[in-house]
PDB file of N, CA and C in Angstrom:
ATOM      1  N   UNK A   1       0.733  -1.012  -0.444  1.00  0.00           N
ATOM      2  CA  UNK A   1       0.527   0.021  -0.347  1.00  0.00           C
ATOM      3  C   UNK A   1       0.357   1.174   0.142  1.00  0.00           C
ATOM      4  N   UNK A   2       0.474   2.430  -1.217  1.00  0.00           N
ATOM      5  CA  UNK A   2       1.638   3.592  -0.850  1.00  0.00           C
ATOM      6  C   UNK A   2       1.036   4.524   0.109  1.00  0.00           C
ATOM      7  N   UNK A   3       2.223   5.097   0.715  1.00  0.00           N
ATOM      8  CA  UNK A   3       1.871   6.216   1.384  1.00  0.00           C
ATOM      9  C   UNK A   3       1.104   7.157   1.258  1.00  0.00           C
ATOM     10  N   UNK A   4       0.047   7.840   1.769  1.00  0.00           N
ATOM     11  CA  UNK A   4       0.550   9.295   0.833  1.00  0.00           C
ATOM     12  C   UNK A   4      -1.052  10.272   1.104  1.00  0.00           C
ATOM     13  N   UNK A   5      -1.092  11.633   0.383  1.00  0.00           N
ATOM     14  CA  UNK A   5      -2.404  11.940   0.500  1.00  0.00           C
ATOM     15  C   UNK A   5      -3.081  11.271  -0.645  1.00  0.00           C
ATOM     16  N   UNK A   6      -4.353  11.697  -0.672  1.00  0.00           N
ATOM     17  CA  UNK A   6      -5.323  11.807  -2.182  1.00  0.00           C
ATOM     18  C   UNK A   6      -5.760  13.118  -2.704  1.00  0.00           C
ATOM     19  N   UNK A   7      -5.943  13.185  -3.447  1.00  0.00           N
ATOM     20  CA  UNK A   7      -7.128  14.129  -4.076  1.00  0.00           C
ATOM     21  C   UNK A   7      -8.358  13.284  -3.963  1.00  0.00           C
ATOM     22  N   UNK A   8      -9.074  13.649  -3.738  1.00  0.00           N
ATOM     23  CA  UNK A   8     -10.560  12.749  -3.865  1.00  0.00           C
ATOM     24  C   UNK A   8     -11.621  13.785  -4.374  1.00  0.00           C
ATOM     25  N   UNK A   9     -12.167  13.186  -5.515  1.00  0.00           N
ATOM     26  CA  UNK A   9     -13.413  14.256  -6.347  1.00  0.00           C
ATOM     27  C   UNK A   9     -14.767  13.049  -5.266  1.00  0.00           C
ATOM     28  N   UNK A  10     -15.699  13.538  -5.245  1.00  0.00           N
ATOM     29  CA  UNK A  10     -16.863  12.880  -5.047  1.00  0.00           C
ATOM     30  C   UNK A  10     -18.115  14.073  -5.453  1.00  0.00           C
ATOM     31  N   UNK A  11     -18.964  13.112  -6.442  1.00  0.00           N
ATOM     32  CA  UNK A  11     -20.089  13.519  -6.970  1.00  0.00           C
ATOM     33  C   UNK A  11     -21.139  12.729  -6.374  1.00  0.00           C
ATOM     34  N   UNK A  12     -22.739  13.654  -6.729  1.00  0.00           N
ATOM     35  CA  UNK A  12     -23.283  13.238  -5.802  1.00  0.00           C
ATOM     36  C   UNK A  12     -24.942  13.059  -7.422  1.00  0.00           C
ATOM     37  N   UNK A  13     -25.112  12.220  -8.030  1.00  0.00           N
ATOM     38  CA  UNK A  13     -26.207  11.976  -8.790  1.00  0.00           C
ATOM     39  C   UNK A  13     -27.146  12.238  -8.818  1.00  0.00           C
ATOM     40  N   UNK A  14     -27.005  12.633  -7.147  1.00  0.00           N
ATOM     41  CA  UNK A  14     -28.671  12.468  -6.659  1.00  0.00           C
ATOM     42  C   UNK A  14     -28.953  14.154  -7.517  1.00  0.00           C
ATOM     43  N   UNK A  15     -28.465  15.563  -7.143  1.00  0.00           N
ATOM     44  CA  UNK A  15     -28.345  17.293  -6.487  1.00  0.00           C
ATOM     45  C   UNK A  15     -26.899  17.388  -8.054  1.00  0.00           C
ATOM     46  N   UNK A  16     -26.522  16.667  -8.089  1.00  0.00           N
ATOM     47  CA  UNK A  16     -25.001  16.897  -9.114  1.00  0.00           C
ATOM     48  C   UNK A  16     -24.196  17.757  -8.179  1.00  0.00           C
ATOM     49  N   UNK A  17     -24.384  17.557  -6.994  1.00  0.00           N
ATOM     50  CA  UNK A  17     -23.214  18.677  -5.980  1.00  0.00           C
ATOM     51  C   UNK A  17     -22.047  17.266  -6.272  1.00  0.00           C
ATOM     52  N   UNK A  18     -20.690  18.348  -6.368  1.00  0.00           N
ATOM     53  CA  UNK A  18     -19.599  18.092  -6.460  1.00  0.00           C
ATOM     54  C   UNK A  18     -18.380  18.642  -5.117  1.00  0.00           C
ATOM     55  N   UNK A  19     -17.524  17.831  -4.433  1.00  0.00           N
ATOM     56  CA  UNK A  19     -16.721  17.657  -3.403  1.00  0.00           C
ATOM     57  C   UNK A  19     -15.317  17.614  -3.506  1.00  0.00           C
ATOM     58  N   UNK A  20     -14.159  17.956  -3.583  1.00  0.00           N
ATOM     59  CA  UNK A  20     -13.209  18.272  -3.881  1.00  0.00           C
ATOM     60  C   UNK A  20     -12.606  18.300  -2.192  1.00  0.00           C
ATOM     61  N   UNK A  21     -11.775  16.656  -2.074  1.00  0.00           N
ATOM     62  CA  UNK A  21     -11.078  16.618  -0.371  1.00  0.00           C
ATOM     63  C   UNK A  21      -9.884  15.981  -0.388  1.00  0.00           C
ATOM     64  N   UNK A  22      -9.118  16.192   0.328  1.00  0.00           N
ATOM     65  CA  UNK A  22      -7.713  14.973   0.828  1.00  0.00           C
ATOM     66  C   UNK A  22      -8.016  13.851   1.312  1.00  0.00           C
ATOM     67  N   UNK A  23      -7.651  12.788   1.619  1.00  0.00           N
ATOM     68  CA  UNK A  23      -7.617  12.347   2.505  1.00  0.00           C
ATOM     69  C   UNK A  23      -6.532  10.766   2.049  1.00  0.00           C
ATOM     70  N   UNK A  24      -6.549  10.503   3.230  1.00  0.00           N
ATOM     71  CA  UNK A  24      -5.517   9.215   3.068  1.00  0.00           C
ATOM     72  C   UNK A  24      -6.707   7.533   2.727  1.00  0.00           C
ATOM     73  N   UNK A  25      -5.544   7.016   2.470  1.00  0.00           N
ATOM     74  CA  UNK A  25      -5.671   4.942   2.679  1.00  0.00           C
ATOM     75  C   UNK A  25      -5.942   4.786   3.802  1.00  0.00           C
ATOM     76  N   UNK A  26      -6.738   3.656   4.527  1.00  0.00           N
ATOM     77  CA  UNK A  26      -7.181   3.575   5.961  1.00  0.00           C
ATOM     78  C   UNK A  26      -6.244   1.724   5.565  1.00  0.00           C
ATOM     79  N   UNK A  27      -6.561   1.089   6.756  1.00  0.00           N
ATOM     80  CA  UNK A  27      -5.671   0.065   6.406  1.00  0.00           C
ATOM     81  C   UNK A  27      -7.071  -1.627   5.646  1.00  0.00           C
ATOM     82  N   UNK A  28      -7.886  -0.738   4.670  1.00  0.00           N
ATOM     83  CA  UNK A  28      -9.235  -1.845   4.807  1.00  0.00           C
ATOM     84  C   UNK A  28      -8.814  -1.017   3.212  1.00  0.00           C
ATOM     85  N   UNK A  29      -8.314  -0.706   2.806  1.00  0.00           N
ATOM     86  CA  UNK A  29      -7.998   0.095   0.897  1.00  0.00           C
ATOM     87  C   UNK A  29      -9.473   1.029   1.229  1.00  0.00           C
ATOM     88  N   UNK A  30      -9.529   1.874   1.779  1.00  0.00           N
ATOM     89  CA  UNK A  30     -11.121   2.606   1.957  1.00  0.00           C
ATOM     90  C   UNK A  30      -9.976   4.050   1.894  1.00  0.00           C
ATOM     91  N   UNK A  31     -10.814   5.385   1.163  1.00  0.00           N
ATOM     92  CA  UNK A  31     -10.010   7.011   1.869  1.00  0.00           C
ATOM     93  C   UNK A  31     -11.157   6.881   2.203  1.00  0.00           C
ATOM     94  N   UNK A  32     -10.720   7.713   3.794  1.00  0.00           N
ATOM     95  CA  UNK A  32     -10.631   8.909   4.476  1.00  0.00           C
ATOM     96  C   UNK A  32     -10.407  10.052   4.466  1.00  0.00           C
ATOM     97  N   UNK A  33     -11.625  10.820   4.253  1.00  0.00           N
ATOM     98  CA  UNK A  33     -11.404  12.870   4.118  1.00  0.00           C
ATOM     99  C   UNK A  33     -12.962  12.604   5.201  1.00  0.00           C
ATOM    100  N   UNK A  34     -12.743  12.275   6.095  1.00  0.00           N
ATOM    101  CA  UNK A  34     -13.983  13.121   6.494  1.00  0.00           C
ATOM    102  C   UNK A  34     -15.675  13.175   6.407  1.00  0.00           C
ATOM    103  N   UNK A  35     -15.537  12.568   5.162  1.00  0.00           N
ATOM    104  CA  UNK A  35     -16.893  13.146   4.490  1.00  0.00           C
ATOM    105  C   UNK A  35     -18.647  12.247   4.649  1.00  0.00           C
ATOM    106  N   UNK A  36     -19.233  12.831   4.946  1.00  0.00           N
ATOM    107  CA  UNK A  36     -20.544  11.698   5.952  1.00  0.00           C
ATOM    108  C   UNK A  36     -21.058  11.795   4.453  1.00  0.00           C
ATOM    109  N   UNK A  37     -22.295  12.794   4.217  1.00  0.00           N
ATOM    110  CA  UNK A  37     -22.861  12.723   3.203  1.00  0.00           C
ATOM    111  C   UNK A  37     -23.379  13.809   2.634  1.00  0.00           C
ATOM    112  N   UNK A  38     -24.222  13.824   1.530  1.00  0.00           N
ATOM    113  CA  UNK A  38     -23.962  15.013   0.507  1.00  0.00           C
ATOM    114  C   UNK A  38     -25.407  15.954   1.367  1.00  0.00           C
ATOM    115  N   UNK A  39     -24.729  17.807   1.289  1.00  0.00           N
ATOM    116  CA  UNK A  39     -26.204  18.328   1.856  1.00  0.00           C
ATOM    117  C   UNK A  39     -27.676  18.230   0.573  1.00  0.00           C
ATOM    118  N   UNK A  40     -27.957  17.183   0.094  1.00  0.00           N
ATOM    119  CA  UNK A  40     -29.373  16.901  -0.718  1.00  0.00           C
ATOM    120  C   UNK A  40     -29.099  15.263   0.641  1.00  0.00           C
ATOM    121  N   UNK A  41     -28.679  15.142   1.736  1.00  0.00           N
ATOM    122  CA  UNK A  41     -29.055  13.752   2.515  1.00  0.00           C
ATOM    123  C   UNK A  41     -28.666  12.435   1.541  1.00  0.00           C
ATOM    124  N   UNK A  42     -28.251  12.093   0.411  1.00  0.00           N
ATOM    125  CA  UNK A  42     -27.876  11.265  -0.070  1.00  0.00           C
ATOM    126  C   UNK A  42     -26.560  10.496   0.403  1.00  0.00           C
ATOM    127  N   UNK A  43     -25.798   9.207   0.451  1.00  0.00           N
ATOM    128  CA  UNK A  43     -25.121   8.623   1.979  1.00  0.00           C
ATOM    129  C   UNK A  43     -24.747   8.054   1.037  1.00  0.00           C
ATOM    130  N   UNK A  44     -25.097   7.084   0.225  1.00  0.00           N
ATOM    131  CA  UNK A  44     -24.689   5.892  -0.093  1.00  0.00           C
ATOM    132  C   UNK A  44     -24.666   5.408  -1.700  1.00  0.00           C
ATOM    133  N   UNK A  45     -24.917   6.274  -2.451  1.00  0.00           N
ATOM    134  CA  UNK A  45     -24.857   6.827  -3.730  1.00  0.00           C
ATOM    135  C   UNK A  45     -24.302   8.015  -4.477  1.00  0.00           C
ATOM    136  N   UNK A  46     -22.845   7.485  -4.299  1.00  0.00           N
ATOM    137  CA  UNK A  46     -22.168   8.993  -4.542  1.00  0.00           C
ATOM    138  C   UNK A  46     -20.376   8.114  -5.016  1.00  0.00           C
ATOM    139  N   UNK A  47     -20.516   8.774  -6.619  1.00  0.00           N
ATOM    140  CA  UNK A  47     -19.825   8.872  -7.497  1.00  0.00           C
ATOM    141  C   UNK A  47     -18.012   9.219  -6.462  1.00  0.00           C
ATOM    142  N   UNK A  48     -16.999   8.292  -6.545  1.00  0.00           N
ATOM    143  CA  UNK A  48     -15.707   8.959  -6.812  1.00  0.00           C
ATOM    144  C   UNK A  48     -14.766   8.715  -6.835  1.00  0.00           C
ATOM    145  N   UNK A  49     -13.418   9.464  -6.951  1.00  0.00           N
ATOM    146  CA  UNK A  49     -12.144   9.307  -7.770  1.00  0.00           C
ATOM    147  C   UNK A  49     -11.526   9.894  -7.418  1.00  0.00           C
ATOM    148  N   UNK A  50     -10.783   8.713  -7.052  1.00  0.00           N
ATOM    149  CA  UNK A  50      -8.813   9.627  -6.090  1.00  0.00           C
ATOM    150  C   UNK A  50      -7.649   9.447  -7.371  1.00  0.00           C
ATOM    151  N   UNK A  51      -6.793  10.756  -7.026  1.00  0.00           N
ATOM    152  CA  UNK A  51      -5.972  10.856  -7.650  1.00  0.00           C
ATOM    153  C   UNK A  51      -4.759  10.615  -6.771  1.00  0.00           C
ATOM    154  N   UNK A  52      -3.379  10.572  -6.784  1.00  0.00           N
ATOM    155  CA  UNK A  52      -2.173  10.455  -5.303  1.00  0.00           C
ATOM    156  C   UNK A  52      -1.591  11.883  -5.762  1.00  0.00           C
ATOM    157  N   UNK A  53      -1.303  12.026  -4.892  1.00  0.00           N
ATOM    158  CA  UNK A  53      -1.199  13.664  -4.744  1.00  0.00           C
ATOM    159  C   UNK A  53       0.780  14.329  -4.994  1.00  0.00           C
TER     160      UNK A  53
END
């Protein structure tokens, strides 16, 4: 696993909101950003794209 920070773009297909965050990978291979849910209340159906910084 590569250490380092990632630029993470989260897009909501429900309301088309876009979030650009920075985060790291955890032991499970998931990205940790602190993001919980979109402003429209969507928590599960999100498009996540990550690129290493």
